[in-house]
């Protein structure tokens, strides 16, 4: 009986992962959490224990893009990585790291270039943007760093027609953020040289 239940749960997780992947690929849902919850609602399910994890959704997204977006998605990805390199060079004083779909390779026409910067305070990044005559919006996002929750300032701008999000962390956060999470697979963050190497391959 337990075996049948497990098989049913596995099938449900695969189905939800596929639905979440389709939402990200076709409707522009940006993050895994939103995609899986929306997929569960579409399927009429509310059991959080049966929801797929981020790795399952990412695998489904790669499969979906390989099947249905194999002509367009690589071009979108390359363009966004080119923008990432340009912005990372520009913001080199803040030791930028690329994160998210542009790094992992699942970025599409809806994706933004997401960078983490490190500065003594967010005002120095704002001043850098103002001095560079760059138009931007600003907000904050609550994120977990180690055992603590902190409000991280974020700046949003457009570079060569692509949306770019800059999250500003303190210098003391750099080591904690750069440390790989044990439950994650693959590259999570990349410095400029690594992104340049991705473009070269």
C-alpha atoms as a PDB file:
ATOM      1  CA  UNK A   1       0.000   0.000   0.000  1.00  0.00           C
ATOM      2  CA  UNK A   2       2.799   2.415   0.960  1.00  0.00           C
ATOM      3  CA  UNK A   3       4.551   1.550  -2.283  1.00  0.00           C
ATOM      4  CA  UNK A   4       1.513   2.536  -4.360  1.00  0.00           C
ATOM      5  CA  UNK A   5       1.203   5.744  -2.388  1.00  0.00           C
ATOM      6  CA  UNK A   6       4.872   6.594  -2.995  1.00  0.00           C
ATOM      7  CA  UNK A   7       4.519   5.934  -6.718  1.00  0.00           C
ATOM      8  CA  UNK A   8       1.462   8.170  -6.821  1.00  0.00           C
ATOM      9  CA  UNK A   9       3.323  10.917  -4.979  1.00  0.00           C
ATOM     10  CA  UNK A  10       6.275  10.624  -7.371  1.00  0.00           C
ATOM     11  CA  UNK A  11       3.959  10.889 -10.362  1.00  0.00           C
ATOM     12  CA  UNK A  12       2.273  13.908  -8.823  1.00  0.00           C
ATOM     13  CA  UNK A  13       5.625  15.598  -8.198  1.00  0.00           C
ATOM     14  CA  UNK A  14       6.706  14.979 -11.790  1.00  0.00           C
ATOM     15  CA  UNK A  15       3.416  16.346 -13.091  1.00  0.00           C
ATOM     16  CA  UNK A  16       3.675  19.473 -10.943  1.00  0.00           C
ATOM     17  CA  UNK A  17       7.312  19.962 -11.933  1.00  0.00           C
ATOM     18  CA  UNK A  18       6.280  19.866 -15.589  1.00  0.00           C
ATOM     19  CA  UNK A  19       3.426  22.335 -15.005  1.00  0.00           C
ATOM     20  CA  UNK A  20       5.755  24.662 -13.093  1.00  0.00           C
ATOM     21  CA  UNK A  21       8.351  24.423 -15.857  1.00  0.00           C
ATOM     22  CA  UNK A  22       5.756  25.322 -18.473  1.00  0.00           C
ATOM     23  CA  UNK A  23       4.664  28.333 -16.419  1.00  0.00           C
ATOM     24  CA  UNK A  24       8.261  29.536 -16.268  1.00  0.00           C
ATOM     25  CA  UNK A  25       8.951  28.877 -19.937  1.00  0.00           C
ATOM     26  CA  UNK A  26       5.724  30.185 -21.440  1.00  0.00           C
ATOM     27  CA  UNK A  27       4.240  32.655 -18.955  1.00  0.00           C
ATOM     28  CA  UNK A  28       7.311  34.239 -17.453  1.00  0.00           C
ATOM     29  CA  UNK A  29       6.883  33.100 -13.844  1.00  0.00           C
ATOM     30  CA  UNK A  30      10.285  34.030 -12.454  1.00  0.00           C
ATOM     31  CA  UNK A  31      10.921  31.907  -9.386  1.00  0.00           C
ATOM     32  CA  UNK A  32      10.506  28.262  -8.478  1.00  0.00           C
ATOM     33  CA  UNK A  33       8.384  28.884  -5.378  1.00  0.00           C
ATOM     34  CA  UNK A  34       5.755  30.876  -7.270  1.00  0.00           C
ATOM     35  CA  UNK A  35       5.781  28.424 -10.171  1.00  0.00           C
ATOM     36  CA  UNK A  36       5.241  25.338  -7.985  1.00  0.00           C
ATOM     37  CA  UNK A  37       2.443  26.961  -5.971  1.00  0.00           C
ATOM     38  CA  UNK A  38       0.672  28.158  -9.106  1.00  0.00           C
ATOM     39  CA  UNK A  39       1.083  24.709 -10.661  1.00  0.00           C
ATOM     40  CA  UNK A  40      -0.428  23.097  -7.557  1.00  0.00           C
ATOM     41  CA  UNK A  41      -3.409  25.465  -7.713  1.00  0.00           C
ATOM     42  CA  UNK A  42      -3.924  24.700 -11.410  1.00  0.00           C
ATOM     43  CA  UNK A  43      -3.873  20.989 -10.618  1.00  0.00           C
ATOM     44  CA  UNK A  44      -6.302  21.460  -7.723  1.00  0.00           C
ATOM     45  CA  UNK A  45      -3.758  20.276  -5.164  1.00  0.00           C
ATOM     46  CA  UNK A  46      -2.720  21.777  -1.859  1.00  0.00           C
ATOM     47  CA  UNK A  47      -0.480  19.133  -0.294  1.00  0.00           C
ATOM     48  CA  UNK A  48       2.809  20.920   0.292  1.00  0.00           C
ATOM     49  CA  UNK A  49       4.566  17.624   0.996  1.00  0.00           C
ATOM     50  CA  UNK A  50       3.981  16.481  -2.566  1.00  0.00           C
ATOM     51  CA  UNK A  51       5.364  19.603  -4.224  1.00  0.00           C
ATOM     52  CA  UNK A  52       8.516  19.155  -6.325  1.00  0.00           C
ATOM     53  CA  UNK A  53      11.733  20.755  -5.129  1.00  0.00           C
ATOM     54  CA  UNK A  54      13.693  23.343  -7.104  1.00  0.00           C
ATOM     55  CA  UNK A  55      16.005  20.774  -8.677  1.00  0.00           C
ATOM     56  CA  UNK A  56      13.052  18.789 -10.015  1.00  0.00           C
ATOM     57  CA  UNK A  57      11.537  21.916 -11.539  1.00  0.00           C
ATOM     58  CA  UNK A  58      14.857  22.980 -13.044  1.00  0.00           C
ATOM     59  CA  UNK A  59      15.278  19.541 -14.631  1.00  0.00           C
ATOM     60  CA  UNK A  60      11.739  19.727 -16.039  1.00  0.00           C
ATOM     61  CA  UNK A  61      12.417  23.244 -17.319  1.00  0.00           C
ATOM     62  CA  UNK A  62      15.570  22.121 -19.119  1.00  0.00           C
ATOM     63  CA  UNK A  63      13.639  19.250 -20.682  1.00  0.00           C
ATOM     64  CA  UNK A  64      10.778  21.546 -21.727  1.00  0.00           C
ATOM     65  CA  UNK A  65      13.164  24.076 -23.260  1.00  0.00           C
ATOM     66  CA  UNK A  66      15.003  21.307 -25.105  1.00  0.00           C
ATOM     67  CA  UNK A  67      11.757  20.011 -26.574  1.00  0.00           C
ATOM     68  CA  UNK A  68       9.856  23.212 -27.354  1.00  0.00           C
ATOM     69  CA  UNK A  69      12.296  26.139 -27.264  1.00  0.00           C
ATOM     70  CA  UNK A  70      15.500  24.683 -28.671  1.00  0.00           C
ATOM     71  CA  UNK A  71      15.719  27.314 -31.424  1.00  0.00           C
ATOM     72  CA  UNK A  72      15.028  30.488 -29.420  1.00  0.00           C
ATOM     73  CA  UNK A  73      16.131  29.814 -25.841  1.00  0.00           C
ATOM     74  CA  UNK A  74      19.901  29.482 -26.496  1.00  0.00           C
ATOM     75  CA  UNK A  75      19.902  32.863 -28.265  1.00  0.00           C
ATOM     76  CA  UNK A  76      18.072  34.527 -25.364  1.00  0.00           C
ATOM     77  CA  UNK A  77      20.507  32.938 -22.917  1.00  0.00           C
ATOM     78  CA  UNK A  78      23.580  34.101 -24.820  1.00  0.00           C
ATOM     79  CA  UNK A  79      22.281  37.655 -25.099  1.00  0.00           C
ATOM     80  CA  UNK A  80      21.584  37.831 -21.368  1.00  0.00           C
ATOM     81  CA  UNK A  81      25.019  36.440 -20.544  1.00  0.00           C
ATOM     82  CA  UNK A  82      26.557  39.111 -22.771  1.00  0.00           C
ATOM     83  CA  UNK A  83      24.623  41.748 -20.833  1.00  0.00           C
ATOM     84  CA  UNK A  84      25.770  40.132 -17.575  1.00  0.00           C
ATOM     85  CA  UNK A  85      29.420  40.398 -18.621  1.00  0.00           C
ATOM     86  CA  UNK A  86      28.953  44.039 -19.608  1.00  0.00           C
ATOM     87  CA  UNK A  87      27.329  44.961 -16.286  1.00  0.00           C
ATOM     88  CA  UNK A  88      29.809  42.931 -14.232  1.00  0.00           C
ATOM     89  CA  UNK A  89      32.702  44.783 -15.875  1.00  0.00           C
ATOM     90  CA  UNK A  90      30.986  48.089 -15.222  1.00  0.00           C
ATOM     91  CA  UNK A  91      30.312  47.267 -11.556  1.00  0.00           C
ATOM     92  CA  UNK A  92      33.687  45.603 -10.931  1.00  0.00           C
ATOM     93  CA  UNK A  93      34.400  47.772  -7.841  1.00  0.00           C
ATOM     94  CA  UNK A  94      31.531  45.964  -6.096  1.00  0.00           C
ATOM     95  CA  UNK A  95      32.849  42.433  -6.819  1.00  0.00           C
ATOM     96  CA  UNK A  96      29.724  41.232  -8.660  1.00  0.00           C
ATOM     97  CA  UNK A  97      28.567  37.627  -8.766  1.00  0.00           C
ATOM     98  CA  UNK A  98      26.043  36.316 -11.279  1.00  0.00           C
ATOM     99  CA  UNK A  99      23.237  34.123  -9.923  1.00  0.00           C
ATOM    100  CA  UNK A 100      19.987  32.660 -11.189  1.00  0.00           C
ATOM    101  CA  UNK A 101      18.747  31.419 -14.542  1.00  0.00           C
ATOM    102  CA  UNK A 102      21.282  33.346 -16.634  1.00  0.00           C
ATOM    103  CA  UNK A 103      24.032  31.430 -14.846  1.00  0.00           C
ATOM    104  CA  UNK A 104      22.375  28.007 -14.707  1.00  0.00           C
ATOM    105  CA  UNK A 105      21.393  28.159 -18.386  1.00  0.00           C
ATOM    106  CA  UNK A 106      17.598  28.145 -18.100  1.00  0.00           C
ATOM    107  CA  UNK A 107      17.088  31.857 -18.859  1.00  0.00           C
ATOM    108  CA  UNK A 108      14.547  32.772 -21.512  1.00  0.00           C
ATOM    109  CA  UNK A 109      12.899  35.870 -22.949  1.00  0.00           C
ATOM    110  CA  UNK A 110      11.277  36.628 -19.581  1.00  0.00           C
ATOM    111  CA  UNK A 111      14.434  36.381 -17.482  1.00  0.00           C
ATOM    112  CA  UNK A 112      16.440  39.117 -15.839  1.00  0.00           C
ATOM    113  CA  UNK A 113      20.156  39.330 -15.228  1.00  0.00           C
ATOM    114  CA  UNK A 114      20.548  38.904 -11.460  1.00  0.00           C
ATOM    115  CA  UNK A 115      23.749  40.077  -9.806  1.00  0.00           C
ATOM    116  CA  UNK A 116      24.925  40.212  -6.210  1.00  0.00           C
ATOM    117  CA  UNK A 117      27.121  43.178  -5.294  1.00  0.00           C
ATOM    118  CA  UNK A 118      29.149  43.807  -2.132  1.00  0.00           C
ATOM    119  CA  UNK A 119      29.511  47.277  -0.661  1.00  0.00           C
ATOM    120  CA  UNK A 120      29.831  49.032   2.695  1.00  0.00           C
ATOM    121  CA  UNK A 121      26.363  50.453   2.120  1.00  0.00           C
ATOM    122  CA  UNK A 122      23.767  50.663  -0.639  1.00  0.00           C
ATOM    123  CA  UNK A 123      24.281  54.425  -0.972  1.00  0.00           C
ATOM    124  CA  UNK A 124      27.614  53.864  -2.687  1.00  0.00           C
ATOM    125  CA  UNK A 125      25.896  51.743  -5.341  1.00  0.00           C
ATOM    126  CA  UNK A 126      23.135  54.351  -5.735  1.00  0.00           C
ATOM    127  CA  UNK A 127      25.758  57.067  -6.154  1.00  0.00           C
ATOM    128  CA  UNK A 128      27.574  54.938  -8.725  1.00  0.00           C
ATOM    129  CA  UNK A 129      24.327  54.614 -10.689  1.00  0.00           C
ATOM    130  CA  UNK A 130      23.592  58.338 -10.448  1.00  0.00           C
ATOM    131  CA  UNK A 131      27.113  59.293 -11.524  1.00  0.00           C
ATOM    132  CA  UNK A 132      26.795  56.909 -14.438  1.00  0.00           C
ATOM    133  CA  UNK A 133      23.503  58.578 -15.388  1.00  0.00           C
ATOM    134  CA  UNK A 134      21.689  55.271 -15.223  1.00  0.00           C
ATOM    135  CA  UNK A 135      17.956  55.237 -14.564  1.00  0.00           C
ATOM    136  CA  UNK A 136      16.940  52.793 -11.856  1.00  0.00           C
ATOM    137  CA  UNK A 137      14.259  51.730  -9.400  1.00  0.00           C
ATOM    138  CA  UNK A 138      14.934  50.529  -5.882  1.00  0.00           C
ATOM    139  CA  UNK A 139      13.348  48.290  -3.255  1.00  0.00           C
ATOM    140  CA  UNK A 140      14.334  45.799  -0.560  1.00  0.00           C
ATOM    141  CA  UNK A 141      13.971  42.062  -0.211  1.00  0.00           C
ATOM    142  CA  UNK A 142      14.157  39.996   2.967  1.00  0.00           C
ATOM    143  CA  UNK A 143      16.670  37.168   2.530  1.00  0.00           C
ATOM    144  CA  UNK A 144      18.335  34.631   4.759  1.00  0.00           C
ATOM    145  CA  UNK A 145      22.086  34.797   5.300  1.00  0.00           C
ATOM    146  CA  UNK A 146      23.315  31.996   7.506  1.00  0.00           C
ATOM    147  CA  UNK A 147      20.935  31.886  10.467  1.00  0.00           C
ATOM    148  CA  UNK A 148      19.772  35.485  10.122  1.00  0.00           C
ATOM    149  CA  UNK A 149      17.138  37.267   8.026  1.00  0.00           C
ATOM    150  CA  UNK A 150      18.178  40.651   6.620  1.00  0.00           C
ATOM    151  CA  UNK A 151      16.675  43.297   4.354  1.00  0.00           C
ATOM    152  CA  UNK A 152      18.792  43.517   1.213  1.00  0.00           C
ATOM    153  CA  UNK A 153      18.591  46.657  -0.960  1.00  0.00           C
ATOM    154  CA  UNK A 154      17.958  45.990  -4.651  1.00  0.00           C
ATOM    155  CA  UNK A 155      18.345  48.188  -7.728  1.00  0.00           C
ATOM    156  CA  UNK A 156      16.610  47.558 -11.042  1.00  0.00           C
ATOM    157  CA  UNK A 157      17.769  48.938 -14.361  1.00  0.00           C
ATOM    158  CA  UNK A 158      17.708  48.146 -18.051  1.00  0.00           C
ATOM    159  CA  UNK A 159      20.859  47.469 -20.051  1.00  0.00           C
ATOM    160  CA  UNK A 160      20.673  46.968 -23.810  1.00  0.00           C
ATOM    161  CA  UNK A 161      16.974  46.197 -23.504  1.00  0.00           C
ATOM    162  CA  UNK A 162      17.469  43.540 -20.816  1.00  0.00           C
ATOM    163  CA  UNK A 163      16.248  43.853 -17.202  1.00  0.00           C
ATOM    164  CA  UNK A 164      19.017  43.769 -14.602  1.00  0.00           C
ATOM    165  CA  UNK A 165      18.573  43.328 -10.835  1.00  0.00           C
ATOM    166  CA  UNK A 166      21.373  44.237  -8.429  1.00  0.00           C
ATOM    167  CA  UNK A 167      21.198  43.027  -4.820  1.00  0.00           C
ATOM    168  CA  UNK A 168      23.593  44.794  -2.440  1.00  0.00           C
ATOM    169  CA  UNK A 169      25.145  42.836   0.421  1.00  0.00           C
ATOM    170  CA  UNK A 170      27.664  43.902   3.025  1.00  0.00           C
ATOM    171  CA  UNK A 171      31.335  42.885   2.725  1.00  0.00           C
ATOM    172  CA  UNK A 172      30.898  40.606   5.736  1.00  0.00           C
ATOM    173  CA  UNK A 173      28.244  38.611   3.836  1.00  0.00           C
ATOM    174  CA  UNK A 174      30.437  37.729   0.877  1.00  0.00           C
ATOM    175  CA  UNK A 175      31.983  34.572   2.292  1.00  0.00           C
ATOM    176  CA  UNK A 176      28.688  33.216   3.641  1.00  0.00           C
ATOM    177  CA  UNK A 177      26.894  33.834   0.345  1.00  0.00           C
ATOM    178  CA  UNK A 178      29.656  32.356  -1.811  1.00  0.00           C
ATOM    179  CA  UNK A 179      29.746  29.114   0.191  1.00  0.00           C
ATOM    180  CA  UNK A 180      27.828  26.385  -1.728  1.00  0.00           C
ATOM    181  CA  UNK A 181      24.707  25.012  -0.083  1.00  0.00           C
ATOM    182  CA  UNK A 182      25.062  21.253   0.565  1.00  0.00           C
ATOM    183  CA  UNK A 183      21.610  20.469  -0.845  1.00  0.00           C
ATOM    184  CA  UNK A 184      22.313  22.219  -4.145  1.00  0.00           C
ATOM    185  CA  UNK A 185      23.905  20.888  -7.291  1.00  0.00           C
ATOM    186  CA  UNK A 186      25.876  22.700  -9.936  1.00  0.00           C
ATOM    187  CA  UNK A 187      27.233  26.217 -10.024  1.00  0.00           C
ATOM    188  CA  UNK A 188      25.256  28.689  -7.902  1.00  0.00           C
ATOM    189  CA  UNK A 189      27.296  31.877  -8.327  1.00  0.00           C
ATOM    190  CA  UNK A 190      29.961  32.996 -10.756  1.00  0.00           C
ATOM    191  CA  UNK A 191      32.519  35.776 -10.956  1.00  0.00           C
ATOM    192  CA  UNK A 192      33.208  37.687 -14.155  1.00  0.00           C
ATOM    193  CA  UNK A 193      35.950  35.344 -15.413  1.00  0.00           C
ATOM    194  CA  UNK A 194      33.630  32.350 -15.076  1.00  0.00           C
ATOM    195  CA  UNK A 195      30.818  34.060 -16.996  1.00  0.00           C
ATOM    196  CA  UNK A 196      33.252  35.090 -19.714  1.00  0.00           C
ATOM    197  CA  UNK A 197      34.339  31.456 -19.935  1.00  0.00           C
ATOM    198  CA  UNK A 198      30.700  30.375 -20.334  1.00  0.00           C
ATOM    199  CA  UNK A 199      30.329  32.761 -23.267  1.00  0.00           C
ATOM    200  CA  UNK A 200      33.497  31.411 -24.854  1.00  0.00           C
ATOM    201  CA  UNK A 201      32.200  27.831 -24.924  1.00  0.00           C
END
